[in-house]
N, C-alpha and C. Protein backbone atom coordinates (compact mmCIF):
# COMPACT_ATOMS: atom_id res chain seq x y z
N UNK A 1 68.63 6.00 106.68
CA UNK A 1 68.65 7.22 105.87
C UNK A 1 69.23 6.95 104.48
N UNK A 2 70.20 6.02 104.40
CA UNK A 2 70.79 5.69 103.10
C UNK A 2 69.73 5.15 102.16
N UNK A 3 68.83 4.30 102.68
CA UNK A 3 67.75 3.77 101.84
C UNK A 3 66.83 4.88 101.36
N UNK A 4 66.59 5.89 102.21
CA UNK A 4 65.72 7.00 101.82
C UNK A 4 66.36 7.82 100.69
N UNK A 5 67.67 8.05 100.79
CA UNK A 5 68.36 8.73 99.70
C UNK A 5 68.30 7.89 98.42
N UNK A 6 68.42 6.59 98.57
CA UNK A 6 68.33 5.70 97.41
C UNK A 6 66.94 5.78 96.79
N UNK A 7 65.91 5.88 97.63
CA UNK A 7 64.55 6.01 97.11
C UNK A 7 64.40 7.32 96.34
N UNK A 8 64.90 8.41 96.90
CA UNK A 8 64.81 9.69 96.21
C UNK A 8 65.51 9.63 94.85
N UNK A 9 66.69 9.03 94.84
CA UNK A 9 67.42 8.91 93.58
C UNK A 9 66.64 8.06 92.57
N UNK A 10 66.03 6.99 93.06
CA UNK A 10 65.26 6.12 92.18
C UNK A 10 64.04 6.85 91.61
N UNK A 11 63.40 7.68 92.44
CA UNK A 11 62.25 8.46 91.98
C UNK A 11 62.69 9.48 90.93
N UNK A 12 63.83 10.15 91.17
CA UNK A 12 64.32 11.12 90.19
C UNK A 12 64.62 10.45 88.85
N UNK A 13 65.22 9.26 88.89
CA UNK A 13 65.50 8.54 87.63
C UNK A 13 64.20 8.13 86.95
N UNK A 14 63.22 7.73 87.74
CA UNK A 14 61.91 7.37 87.21
C UNK A 14 61.26 8.57 86.55
N UNK A 15 61.33 9.72 87.23
CA UNK A 15 60.73 10.95 86.69
C UNK A 15 61.41 11.38 85.40
N UNK A 16 62.68 11.01 85.25
CA UNK A 16 63.44 11.36 84.04
C UNK A 16 63.24 10.36 82.92
N UNK A 17 62.39 9.36 83.14
CA UNK A 17 62.09 8.39 82.10
C UNK A 17 62.64 7.00 82.33
N UNK A 18 63.27 6.78 83.48
CA UNK A 18 63.82 5.47 83.80
C UNK A 18 62.75 4.52 84.32
N UNK A 19 63.15 3.33 84.72
CA UNK A 19 62.19 2.34 85.23
C UNK A 19 61.67 2.71 86.61
N UNK A 20 60.44 2.29 86.89
CA UNK A 20 59.85 2.57 88.20
C UNK A 20 60.05 1.47 89.21
N UNK A 21 60.53 0.32 88.77
CA UNK A 21 60.68 -0.82 89.67
C UNK A 21 61.53 -0.56 90.89
N UNK A 22 62.71 0.04 90.75
CA UNK A 22 63.54 0.30 91.93
C UNK A 22 62.86 1.18 92.96
N UNK A 23 62.16 2.22 92.52
CA UNK A 23 61.45 3.09 93.46
C UNK A 23 60.33 2.33 94.15
N UNK A 24 59.61 1.51 93.40
CA UNK A 24 58.51 0.74 93.97
C UNK A 24 59.02 -0.25 95.01
N UNK A 25 60.12 -0.93 94.71
CA UNK A 25 60.69 -1.90 95.66
C UNK A 25 61.14 -1.22 96.94
N UNK A 26 61.78 -0.05 96.81
CA UNK A 26 62.26 0.67 97.99
C UNK A 26 61.09 1.22 98.81
N UNK A 27 60.03 1.64 98.15
CA UNK A 27 58.86 2.14 98.87
C UNK A 27 58.27 1.06 99.76
N UNK A 28 58.25 -0.17 99.24
CA UNK A 28 57.74 -1.29 100.03
C UNK A 28 58.69 -1.58 101.19
N UNK A 29 60.00 -1.61 100.91
CA UNK A 29 60.98 -1.91 101.95
C UNK A 29 60.96 -0.86 103.07
N UNK A 30 60.75 0.40 102.69
CA UNK A 30 60.74 1.50 103.66
C UNK A 30 59.37 1.69 104.32
N UNK A 31 58.38 0.94 103.84
CA UNK A 31 57.01 1.05 104.36
C UNK A 31 56.50 2.48 104.27
N UNK A 32 56.68 3.08 103.11
CA UNK A 32 56.28 4.46 102.92
C UNK A 32 54.76 4.58 102.77
N UNK A 33 54.21 5.60 103.39
CA UNK A 33 52.79 5.87 103.24
C UNK A 33 52.51 7.27 102.76
N UNK A 34 53.51 8.17 102.90
CA UNK A 34 53.31 9.58 102.56
C UNK A 34 54.54 10.12 101.85
N UNK A 35 54.29 10.95 100.84
CA UNK A 35 55.37 11.67 100.16
C UNK A 35 55.13 13.16 100.32
N UNK A 36 56.14 13.87 100.81
CA UNK A 36 56.10 15.33 100.93
C UNK A 36 56.82 15.89 99.71
N UNK A 37 56.07 16.55 98.84
CA UNK A 37 56.63 17.07 97.59
C UNK A 37 57.01 18.54 97.78
N UNK A 38 58.27 18.86 97.50
CA UNK A 38 58.78 20.22 97.67
C UNK A 38 59.41 20.68 96.36
N UNK A 39 59.39 21.99 96.16
CA UNK A 39 59.88 22.53 94.89
C UNK A 39 61.37 22.31 94.71
N UNK A 40 62.17 22.59 95.73
CA UNK A 40 63.61 22.52 95.54
C UNK A 40 64.39 22.09 96.76
N UNK A 41 65.73 22.10 96.60
CA UNK A 41 66.61 21.60 97.65
C UNK A 41 66.62 22.48 98.89
N UNK A 42 66.38 23.79 98.75
CA UNK A 42 66.35 24.66 99.93
C UNK A 42 65.14 24.35 100.80
N UNK A 43 64.02 24.05 100.17
CA UNK A 43 62.83 23.64 100.93
C UNK A 43 63.08 22.33 101.65
N UNK A 44 63.75 21.41 100.95
CA UNK A 44 64.09 20.12 101.56
C UNK A 44 64.97 20.32 102.79
N UNK A 45 65.97 21.20 102.68
CA UNK A 45 66.87 21.47 103.80
C UNK A 45 66.10 22.03 104.98
N UNK A 46 65.14 22.91 104.71
CA UNK A 46 64.35 23.53 105.78
C UNK A 46 63.46 22.49 106.46
N UNK A 47 62.81 21.65 105.68
CA UNK A 47 61.92 20.63 106.26
C UNK A 47 62.72 19.63 107.08
N UNK A 48 63.86 19.21 106.58
CA UNK A 48 64.68 18.26 107.34
C UNK A 48 65.21 18.89 108.62
N UNK A 49 65.56 20.18 108.58
CA UNK A 49 66.03 20.87 109.78
C UNK A 49 64.93 20.96 110.83
N UNK A 50 63.70 21.22 110.39
CA UNK A 50 62.60 21.31 111.35
C UNK A 50 62.28 19.93 111.92
N UNK A 51 62.38 18.90 111.12
CA UNK A 51 62.17 17.54 111.63
C UNK A 51 63.17 17.23 112.74
N UNK A 52 64.44 17.58 112.52
CA UNK A 52 65.47 17.37 113.54
C UNK A 52 65.16 18.19 114.78
N UNK A 53 64.79 19.44 114.58
CA UNK A 53 64.48 20.33 115.71
C UNK A 53 63.34 19.78 116.55
N UNK A 54 62.38 19.13 115.93
CA UNK A 54 61.21 18.63 116.64
C UNK A 54 61.35 17.17 117.04
N UNK A 55 62.50 16.58 116.79
CA UNK A 55 62.72 15.19 117.18
C UNK A 55 61.91 14.20 116.38
N UNK A 56 61.62 14.54 115.12
CA UNK A 56 60.84 13.66 114.26
C UNK A 56 61.76 12.86 113.34
N UNK A 57 61.57 11.56 113.29
CA UNK A 57 62.26 10.70 112.33
C UNK A 57 61.25 10.36 111.24
N UNK A 58 61.21 11.20 110.21
CA UNK A 58 60.18 11.05 109.19
C UNK A 58 60.29 9.73 108.45
N UNK A 59 61.52 9.29 108.19
CA UNK A 59 61.69 8.01 107.50
C UNK A 59 61.09 6.87 108.30
N UNK A 60 61.32 6.87 109.61
CA UNK A 60 60.76 5.83 110.47
C UNK A 60 59.24 5.91 110.51
N UNK A 61 58.69 7.07 110.24
CA UNK A 61 57.24 7.26 110.23
C UNK A 61 56.62 6.94 108.88
N UNK A 62 57.46 6.50 107.93
CA UNK A 62 56.95 6.17 106.59
C UNK A 62 56.72 7.37 105.72
N UNK A 63 57.47 8.45 106.00
CA UNK A 63 57.34 9.70 105.24
C UNK A 63 58.61 9.96 104.46
N UNK A 64 58.48 10.18 103.18
CA UNK A 64 59.63 10.55 102.36
C UNK A 64 59.46 11.98 101.89
N UNK A 65 60.51 12.78 102.04
CA UNK A 65 60.51 14.17 101.59
C UNK A 65 61.28 14.24 100.28
N UNK A 66 60.63 14.76 99.24
CA UNK A 66 61.19 14.72 97.89
C UNK A 66 61.31 16.12 97.32
N UNK A 67 62.50 16.46 96.83
CA UNK A 67 62.70 17.69 96.08
C UNK A 67 62.48 17.41 94.61
N UNK A 68 61.54 18.14 93.99
CA UNK A 68 61.16 17.85 92.61
C UNK A 68 62.03 18.57 91.58
N UNK A 69 62.87 19.50 92.03
CA UNK A 69 63.70 20.24 91.09
C UNK A 69 62.94 21.29 90.30
N UNK A 70 61.86 21.81 90.88
CA UNK A 70 61.08 22.85 90.22
C UNK A 70 59.60 22.59 90.32
N UNK A 71 58.83 23.67 90.48
CA UNK A 71 57.38 23.53 90.66
C UNK A 71 56.69 22.89 89.45
N UNK A 72 57.26 23.10 88.25
CA UNK A 72 56.63 22.56 87.05
C UNK A 72 56.69 21.04 86.98
N UNK A 73 57.40 20.42 87.91
CA UNK A 73 57.49 18.95 87.94
C UNK A 73 56.38 18.31 88.77
N UNK A 74 55.48 19.11 89.33
CA UNK A 74 54.48 18.56 90.25
C UNK A 74 53.60 17.51 89.58
N UNK A 75 53.21 17.74 88.33
CA UNK A 75 52.36 16.77 87.65
C UNK A 75 53.03 15.42 87.50
N UNK A 76 54.30 15.45 87.13
CA UNK A 76 55.05 14.20 86.93
C UNK A 76 55.21 13.45 88.25
N UNK A 77 55.65 14.16 89.30
CA UNK A 77 55.89 13.50 90.58
C UNK A 77 54.60 13.05 91.24
N UNK A 78 53.54 13.84 91.11
CA UNK A 78 52.25 13.44 91.69
C UNK A 78 51.73 12.19 91.01
N UNK A 79 51.94 12.09 89.70
CA UNK A 79 51.50 10.90 88.99
C UNK A 79 52.28 9.66 89.38
N UNK A 80 53.58 9.81 89.62
CA UNK A 80 54.41 8.67 89.98
C UNK A 80 54.19 8.21 91.42
N UNK A 81 54.04 9.17 92.32
CA UNK A 81 53.97 8.82 93.75
C UNK A 81 52.56 8.74 94.29
N UNK A 82 51.60 9.40 93.64
CA UNK A 82 50.22 9.39 94.10
C UNK A 82 49.45 8.16 93.64
N UNK A 83 48.15 8.31 93.56
CA UNK A 83 47.28 7.16 93.26
C UNK A 83 47.60 6.46 91.94
N UNK A 84 47.95 7.19 90.86
CA UNK A 84 48.26 6.47 89.62
C UNK A 84 49.54 5.65 89.68
N UNK A 85 50.42 5.98 90.65
CA UNK A 85 51.71 5.30 90.73
C UNK A 85 51.84 4.44 91.98
N UNK A 86 52.61 4.93 92.94
CA UNK A 86 52.88 4.14 94.15
C UNK A 86 51.74 4.18 95.16
N UNK A 87 50.79 5.08 94.97
CA UNK A 87 49.63 5.11 95.86
C UNK A 87 49.89 5.77 97.20
N UNK A 88 50.91 6.62 97.28
CA UNK A 88 51.22 7.29 98.54
C UNK A 88 50.31 8.50 98.74
N UNK A 89 50.08 8.84 99.99
CA UNK A 89 49.39 10.10 100.29
C UNK A 89 50.34 11.23 99.97
N UNK A 90 49.84 12.25 99.27
CA UNK A 90 50.68 13.37 98.86
C UNK A 90 50.40 14.60 99.71
N UNK A 91 51.47 15.27 100.10
CA UNK A 91 51.35 16.55 100.78
C UNK A 91 52.60 17.35 100.43
N UNK A 92 52.70 18.57 100.93
CA UNK A 92 53.88 19.39 100.62
C UNK A 92 53.58 20.86 100.74
N UNK A 93 54.47 21.64 100.16
CA UNK A 93 54.36 23.10 100.15
C UNK A 93 54.31 23.59 98.72
N UNK A 94 53.59 24.67 98.49
CA UNK A 94 53.62 25.32 97.19
C UNK A 94 53.55 26.83 97.39
N UNK A 95 54.01 27.58 96.40
CA UNK A 95 53.95 29.03 96.46
C UNK A 95 52.59 29.51 95.97
N UNK A 96 52.12 30.60 96.52
CA UNK A 96 50.80 31.12 96.18
C UNK A 96 50.64 31.34 94.68
N UNK A 97 51.70 31.83 94.04
CA UNK A 97 51.62 32.11 92.61
C UNK A 97 51.49 30.86 91.75
N UNK A 98 51.77 29.70 92.32
CA UNK A 98 51.72 28.45 91.56
C UNK A 98 50.61 27.52 92.03
N UNK A 99 49.75 28.01 92.92
CA UNK A 99 48.74 27.15 93.53
C UNK A 99 47.77 26.58 92.49
N UNK A 100 47.36 27.39 91.53
CA UNK A 100 46.42 26.90 90.51
C UNK A 100 47.04 25.79 89.69
N UNK A 101 48.32 25.93 89.38
CA UNK A 101 49.02 24.89 88.62
C UNK A 101 49.07 23.60 89.41
N UNK A 102 49.35 23.71 90.71
CA UNK A 102 49.37 22.52 91.58
C UNK A 102 47.99 21.88 91.63
N UNK A 103 46.95 22.70 91.77
CA UNK A 103 45.59 22.16 91.84
C UNK A 103 45.25 21.36 90.59
N UNK A 104 45.62 21.88 89.42
CA UNK A 104 45.34 21.17 88.17
C UNK A 104 46.12 19.86 88.10
N UNK A 105 47.39 19.94 88.48
CA UNK A 105 48.24 18.74 88.40
C UNK A 105 47.74 17.66 89.35
N UNK A 106 47.34 18.05 90.55
CA UNK A 106 46.87 17.07 91.53
C UNK A 106 45.53 16.49 91.14
N UNK A 107 44.70 17.29 90.49
CA UNK A 107 43.43 16.77 90.01
C UNK A 107 43.65 15.71 88.93
N UNK A 108 44.61 15.97 88.04
CA UNK A 108 44.93 14.99 87.00
C UNK A 108 45.50 13.71 87.60
N UNK A 109 46.17 13.85 88.75
CA UNK A 109 46.74 12.68 89.42
C UNK A 109 45.75 12.03 90.38
N UNK A 110 44.47 12.42 90.28
CA UNK A 110 43.40 11.87 91.13
C UNK A 110 43.68 12.14 92.60
N UNK A 111 44.26 13.31 92.89
CA UNK A 111 44.54 13.66 94.28
C UNK A 111 44.09 15.08 94.59
N UNK A 112 42.91 15.51 94.14
CA UNK A 112 42.48 16.89 94.40
C UNK A 112 42.26 17.12 95.89
N UNK A 113 42.65 18.31 96.34
CA UNK A 113 42.38 18.68 97.72
C UNK A 113 43.30 18.04 98.74
N UNK A 114 44.31 17.29 98.30
CA UNK A 114 45.22 16.68 99.26
C UNK A 114 46.05 17.77 99.90
N UNK A 115 46.74 17.43 100.99
CA UNK A 115 47.26 18.44 101.89
C UNK A 115 48.48 19.21 101.46
N UNK A 116 48.32 20.18 100.58
CA UNK A 116 49.41 21.09 100.24
C UNK A 116 49.17 22.43 100.92
N UNK A 117 50.24 22.99 101.46
CA UNK A 117 50.15 24.20 102.26
C UNK A 117 50.87 25.33 101.53
N UNK A 118 50.24 26.49 101.49
CA UNK A 118 50.61 27.56 100.58
C UNK A 118 51.45 28.63 101.27
N UNK A 119 52.62 28.91 100.69
CA UNK A 119 53.47 30.02 101.13
C UNK A 119 53.13 31.26 100.30
N UNK A 120 53.14 32.42 100.91
CA UNK A 120 52.74 33.64 100.21
C UNK A 120 53.62 33.89 98.99
N UNK A 121 54.93 33.96 99.17
CA UNK A 121 55.85 34.11 98.04
C UNK A 121 56.60 32.80 97.86
N UNK A 122 57.35 32.41 98.87
CA UNK A 122 58.02 31.12 98.91
C UNK A 122 58.40 30.85 100.36
N UNK A 123 59.02 29.71 100.62
CA UNK A 123 59.33 29.35 102.00
C UNK A 123 60.37 30.28 102.60
N UNK A 124 61.36 30.72 101.81
CA UNK A 124 62.36 31.65 102.33
C UNK A 124 61.70 32.94 102.81
N UNK A 125 60.75 33.43 102.04
CA UNK A 125 60.03 34.64 102.43
C UNK A 125 59.29 34.44 103.74
N UNK A 126 58.65 33.29 103.89
CA UNK A 126 57.94 32.98 105.13
C UNK A 126 58.90 32.95 106.32
N UNK A 127 60.06 32.35 106.13
CA UNK A 127 61.03 32.25 107.22
C UNK A 127 61.63 33.60 107.59
N UNK A 128 61.90 34.43 106.59
CA UNK A 128 62.43 35.77 106.86
C UNK A 128 61.41 36.59 107.65
N UNK A 129 60.15 36.52 107.26
CA UNK A 129 59.11 37.27 107.99
C UNK A 129 58.94 36.74 109.40
N UNK A 130 59.06 35.42 109.57
CA UNK A 130 58.90 34.84 110.91
C UNK A 130 60.02 35.27 111.84
N UNK A 131 61.24 35.32 111.33
CA UNK A 131 62.39 35.67 112.16
C UNK A 131 62.55 37.17 112.33
N UNK A 132 62.14 37.92 111.32
CA UNK A 132 62.38 39.36 111.31
C UNK A 132 63.68 39.67 110.59
N UNK A 133 63.73 40.79 109.89
CA UNK A 133 64.90 41.10 109.08
C UNK A 133 66.16 41.30 109.92
N UNK A 134 66.02 41.88 111.11
CA UNK A 134 67.20 42.10 111.96
C UNK A 134 67.86 40.78 112.33
N UNK A 135 67.06 39.79 112.70
CA UNK A 135 67.60 38.48 113.07
C UNK A 135 68.26 37.81 111.87
N UNK A 136 67.65 37.92 110.70
CA UNK A 136 68.24 37.29 109.51
C UNK A 136 69.59 37.93 109.19
N UNK A 137 69.68 39.25 109.33
CA UNK A 137 70.97 39.92 109.10
C UNK A 137 72.01 39.48 110.13
N UNK A 138 71.59 39.23 111.35
CA UNK A 138 72.51 38.71 112.37
C UNK A 138 73.04 37.33 111.97
N UNK A 139 72.17 36.50 111.41
CA UNK A 139 72.58 35.17 110.95
C UNK A 139 73.58 35.30 109.80
N UNK A 140 73.31 36.21 108.87
CA UNK A 140 74.23 36.46 107.76
C UNK A 140 75.60 36.87 108.28
N UNK A 141 75.62 37.75 109.26
CA UNK A 141 76.88 38.20 109.87
C UNK A 141 77.60 37.02 110.52
N UNK A 142 76.86 36.22 111.29
CA UNK A 142 77.46 35.08 111.99
C UNK A 142 78.02 34.05 111.03
N UNK A 143 77.46 33.96 109.84
CA UNK A 143 77.90 32.99 108.84
C UNK A 143 79.06 33.49 107.98
N UNK A 144 79.53 34.71 108.27
CA UNK A 144 80.65 35.25 107.51
C UNK A 144 80.28 35.82 106.16
N UNK A 145 79.00 36.11 105.95
CA UNK A 145 78.53 36.63 104.66
C UNK A 145 78.23 38.12 104.71
N UNK A 146 78.69 38.82 105.75
CA UNK A 146 78.36 40.24 105.90
C UNK A 146 78.92 41.08 104.75
N UNK A 147 80.16 40.80 104.35
CA UNK A 147 80.77 41.56 103.25
C UNK A 147 79.98 41.38 101.97
N UNK A 148 79.60 40.13 101.67
CA UNK A 148 78.81 39.87 100.46
C UNK A 148 77.45 40.57 100.54
N UNK A 149 76.86 40.59 101.72
CA UNK A 149 75.56 41.24 101.93
C UNK A 149 75.68 42.75 101.69
N UNK A 150 76.72 43.39 102.22
CA UNK A 150 76.90 44.83 102.05
C UNK A 150 77.17 45.17 100.59
N UNK A 151 77.94 44.32 99.91
CA UNK A 151 78.20 44.53 98.48
C UNK A 151 76.90 44.43 97.69
N UNK A 152 76.09 43.45 98.04
CA UNK A 152 74.79 43.26 97.38
C UNK A 152 73.91 44.49 97.56
N UNK A 153 73.88 45.06 98.76
CA UNK A 153 73.02 46.21 99.03
C UNK A 153 73.42 47.45 98.24
N UNK A 154 74.67 47.50 97.79
CA UNK A 154 75.12 48.66 97.02
C UNK A 154 74.72 48.59 95.54
N UNK A 155 74.18 47.45 95.13
CA UNK A 155 73.77 47.32 93.74
C UNK A 155 72.61 48.27 93.43
N UNK A 156 72.64 48.94 92.29
CA UNK A 156 71.56 49.89 91.95
C UNK A 156 70.17 49.28 92.02
N UNK A 157 70.05 48.02 91.61
CA UNK A 157 68.73 47.38 91.60
C UNK A 157 68.14 47.21 92.98
N UNK A 158 68.97 47.27 94.02
CA UNK A 158 68.49 47.06 95.38
C UNK A 158 68.13 48.36 96.10
N UNK A 159 68.43 49.48 95.49
CA UNK A 159 68.17 50.76 96.16
C UNK A 159 66.67 50.99 96.30
N UNK A 160 66.24 51.29 97.52
CA UNK A 160 64.83 51.60 97.77
C UNK A 160 63.93 50.40 97.94
N UNK A 161 64.46 49.19 97.79
CA UNK A 161 63.62 48.00 97.96
C UNK A 161 63.45 47.69 99.45
N UNK A 162 62.32 47.15 99.84
CA UNK A 162 62.13 46.76 101.24
C UNK A 162 63.17 45.72 101.66
N UNK A 163 63.61 45.77 102.92
CA UNK A 163 64.64 44.87 103.42
C UNK A 163 64.23 43.41 103.25
N UNK A 164 62.97 43.13 103.46
CA UNK A 164 62.46 41.76 103.29
C UNK A 164 62.77 41.24 101.89
N UNK A 165 62.51 42.05 100.88
CA UNK A 165 62.75 41.63 99.50
C UNK A 165 64.24 41.53 99.20
N UNK A 166 65.03 42.45 99.77
CA UNK A 166 66.48 42.39 99.57
C UNK A 166 67.06 41.10 100.13
N UNK A 167 66.63 40.73 101.32
CA UNK A 167 67.14 39.50 101.94
C UNK A 167 66.74 38.28 101.13
N UNK A 168 65.52 38.24 100.70
CA UNK A 168 65.04 37.10 99.91
C UNK A 168 65.85 36.97 98.62
N UNK A 169 66.12 38.09 97.98
CA UNK A 169 66.90 38.06 96.74
C UNK A 169 68.34 37.65 97.01
N UNK A 170 68.91 38.15 98.10
CA UNK A 170 70.30 37.84 98.44
C UNK A 170 70.50 36.33 98.61
N UNK A 171 69.55 35.67 99.22
CA UNK A 171 69.69 34.23 99.47
C UNK A 171 69.78 33.44 98.18
N UNK A 172 69.26 33.99 97.10
CA UNK A 172 69.27 33.28 95.83
C UNK A 172 70.36 33.70 94.87
N UNK A 173 71.31 34.54 95.33
CA UNK A 173 72.30 35.09 94.40
C UNK A 173 73.54 34.22 94.23
N UNK A 174 73.72 33.21 95.04
CA UNK A 174 74.91 32.36 94.94
C UNK A 174 74.49 30.91 95.06
N UNK A 175 75.06 30.07 94.21
CA UNK A 175 74.72 28.65 94.22
C UNK A 175 74.96 28.04 95.59
N UNK A 176 73.97 27.36 96.10
CA UNK A 176 74.08 26.69 97.38
C UNK A 176 73.69 27.54 98.57
N UNK A 177 73.56 28.86 98.37
CA UNK A 177 73.25 29.73 99.52
C UNK A 177 71.83 29.50 100.04
N UNK A 178 70.87 29.34 99.13
CA UNK A 178 69.50 29.11 99.56
C UNK A 178 69.38 27.82 100.37
N UNK A 179 70.11 26.80 99.95
CA UNK A 179 70.06 25.52 100.67
C UNK A 179 70.63 25.70 102.07
N UNK A 180 71.78 26.35 102.17
CA UNK A 180 72.43 26.55 103.47
C UNK A 180 71.54 27.38 104.40
N UNK A 181 70.98 28.44 103.86
CA UNK A 181 70.16 29.31 104.71
C UNK A 181 68.77 28.73 104.96
N UNK A 182 68.30 27.86 104.08
CA UNK A 182 67.05 27.16 104.37
C UNK A 182 67.15 26.41 105.69
N UNK A 183 68.30 25.76 105.88
CA UNK A 183 68.54 25.05 107.14
C UNK A 183 68.78 26.02 108.30
N UNK A 184 69.62 27.03 108.08
CA UNK A 184 69.99 27.96 109.15
C UNK A 184 68.80 28.75 109.68
N UNK A 185 67.95 29.22 108.79
CA UNK A 185 66.81 30.01 109.23
C UNK A 185 65.88 29.19 110.12
N UNK A 186 65.67 27.93 109.73
CA UNK A 186 64.83 27.06 110.56
C UNK A 186 65.49 26.80 111.91
N UNK A 187 66.79 26.57 111.92
CA UNK A 187 67.49 26.30 113.18
C UNK A 187 67.44 27.47 114.14
N UNK A 188 67.20 28.67 113.63
CA UNK A 188 67.14 29.86 114.47
C UNK A 188 65.72 30.24 114.88
N UNK A 189 64.74 29.47 114.47
CA UNK A 189 63.36 29.75 114.88
C UNK A 189 63.18 29.47 116.37
N UNK A 190 62.56 30.41 117.06
CA UNK A 190 62.21 30.20 118.45
C UNK A 190 60.88 29.45 118.52
N UNK A 191 60.57 28.81 119.66
CA UNK A 191 59.27 28.15 119.79
C UNK A 191 58.12 29.12 119.45
N UNK A 192 57.22 28.65 118.63
CA UNK A 192 56.09 29.48 118.24
C UNK A 192 56.35 30.36 117.03
N UNK A 193 57.57 30.35 116.50
CA UNK A 193 57.91 31.19 115.34
C UNK A 193 57.76 30.49 114.01
N UNK A 194 57.52 29.20 114.00
CA UNK A 194 57.46 28.47 112.72
C UNK A 194 56.35 29.04 111.84
N UNK A 195 56.66 29.40 110.59
CA UNK A 195 55.62 29.92 109.69
C UNK A 195 54.46 28.94 109.57
N UNK A 196 53.27 29.47 109.44
CA UNK A 196 52.06 28.64 109.43
C UNK A 196 52.09 27.53 108.39
N UNK A 197 52.49 27.78 107.13
CA UNK A 197 52.47 26.67 106.15
C UNK A 197 53.38 25.51 106.56
N UNK A 198 54.55 25.83 107.11
CA UNK A 198 55.48 24.79 107.52
C UNK A 198 54.99 24.07 108.77
N UNK A 199 54.45 24.83 109.69
CA UNK A 199 53.91 24.23 110.92
C UNK A 199 52.72 23.34 110.59
N UNK A 200 51.85 23.81 109.71
CA UNK A 200 50.68 23.01 109.33
C UNK A 200 51.08 21.73 108.60
N UNK A 201 52.13 21.83 107.79
CA UNK A 201 52.63 20.63 107.12
C UNK A 201 53.02 19.57 108.13
N UNK A 202 53.78 19.94 109.16
CA UNK A 202 54.23 18.98 110.16
C UNK A 202 53.07 18.46 110.99
N UNK A 203 52.09 19.30 111.25
CA UNK A 203 50.92 18.85 111.99
C UNK A 203 50.18 17.78 111.22
N UNK A 204 50.23 17.86 109.88
CA UNK A 204 49.49 16.91 109.04
C UNK A 204 50.20 15.57 108.90
N UNK A 205 51.48 15.51 109.28
CA UNK A 205 52.26 14.28 109.06
C UNK A 205 52.09 13.30 110.23
């Protein structure tokens, strides 16, 4: 796992304008064949939690999961890790509102139609709908965040909004909360509850 973190760090430095040699060397050492590109760290936490839940060792399978630090980075990361760069098979998740941008970026990287799976709003929204709002509120209570949740609900901007939208917004109101709940929501999924985009992603790996 340490080598996989080193690979991710090397890719991030490469994407920021650094040399590509370290990432290339680690890709060979790790025998990587597939890169799962995700928008952010909360998506990464969710995917890693599901891998653990399903007994999958993605690194041993030659799969690296990469957080790009934002959807607008897809063109850069696809170019580095796809056919123009390391030649890895690309897959991942994208939000419906950004699908056209992903399609253009992947086409430029000579990877049109590769396996990206679309979330309606984002992965948190998919997980909240899969679990149901009552279950998500139970998780918030169990995590000691009930007071913060009740304070959030009293905000004028939240009055009259659907519970689904309130929960999704709440998860993004504090630094690190989305990452923590990305993992927690997946860990609370019952068999058969995995949202289709996430389930389809794992089926493709």
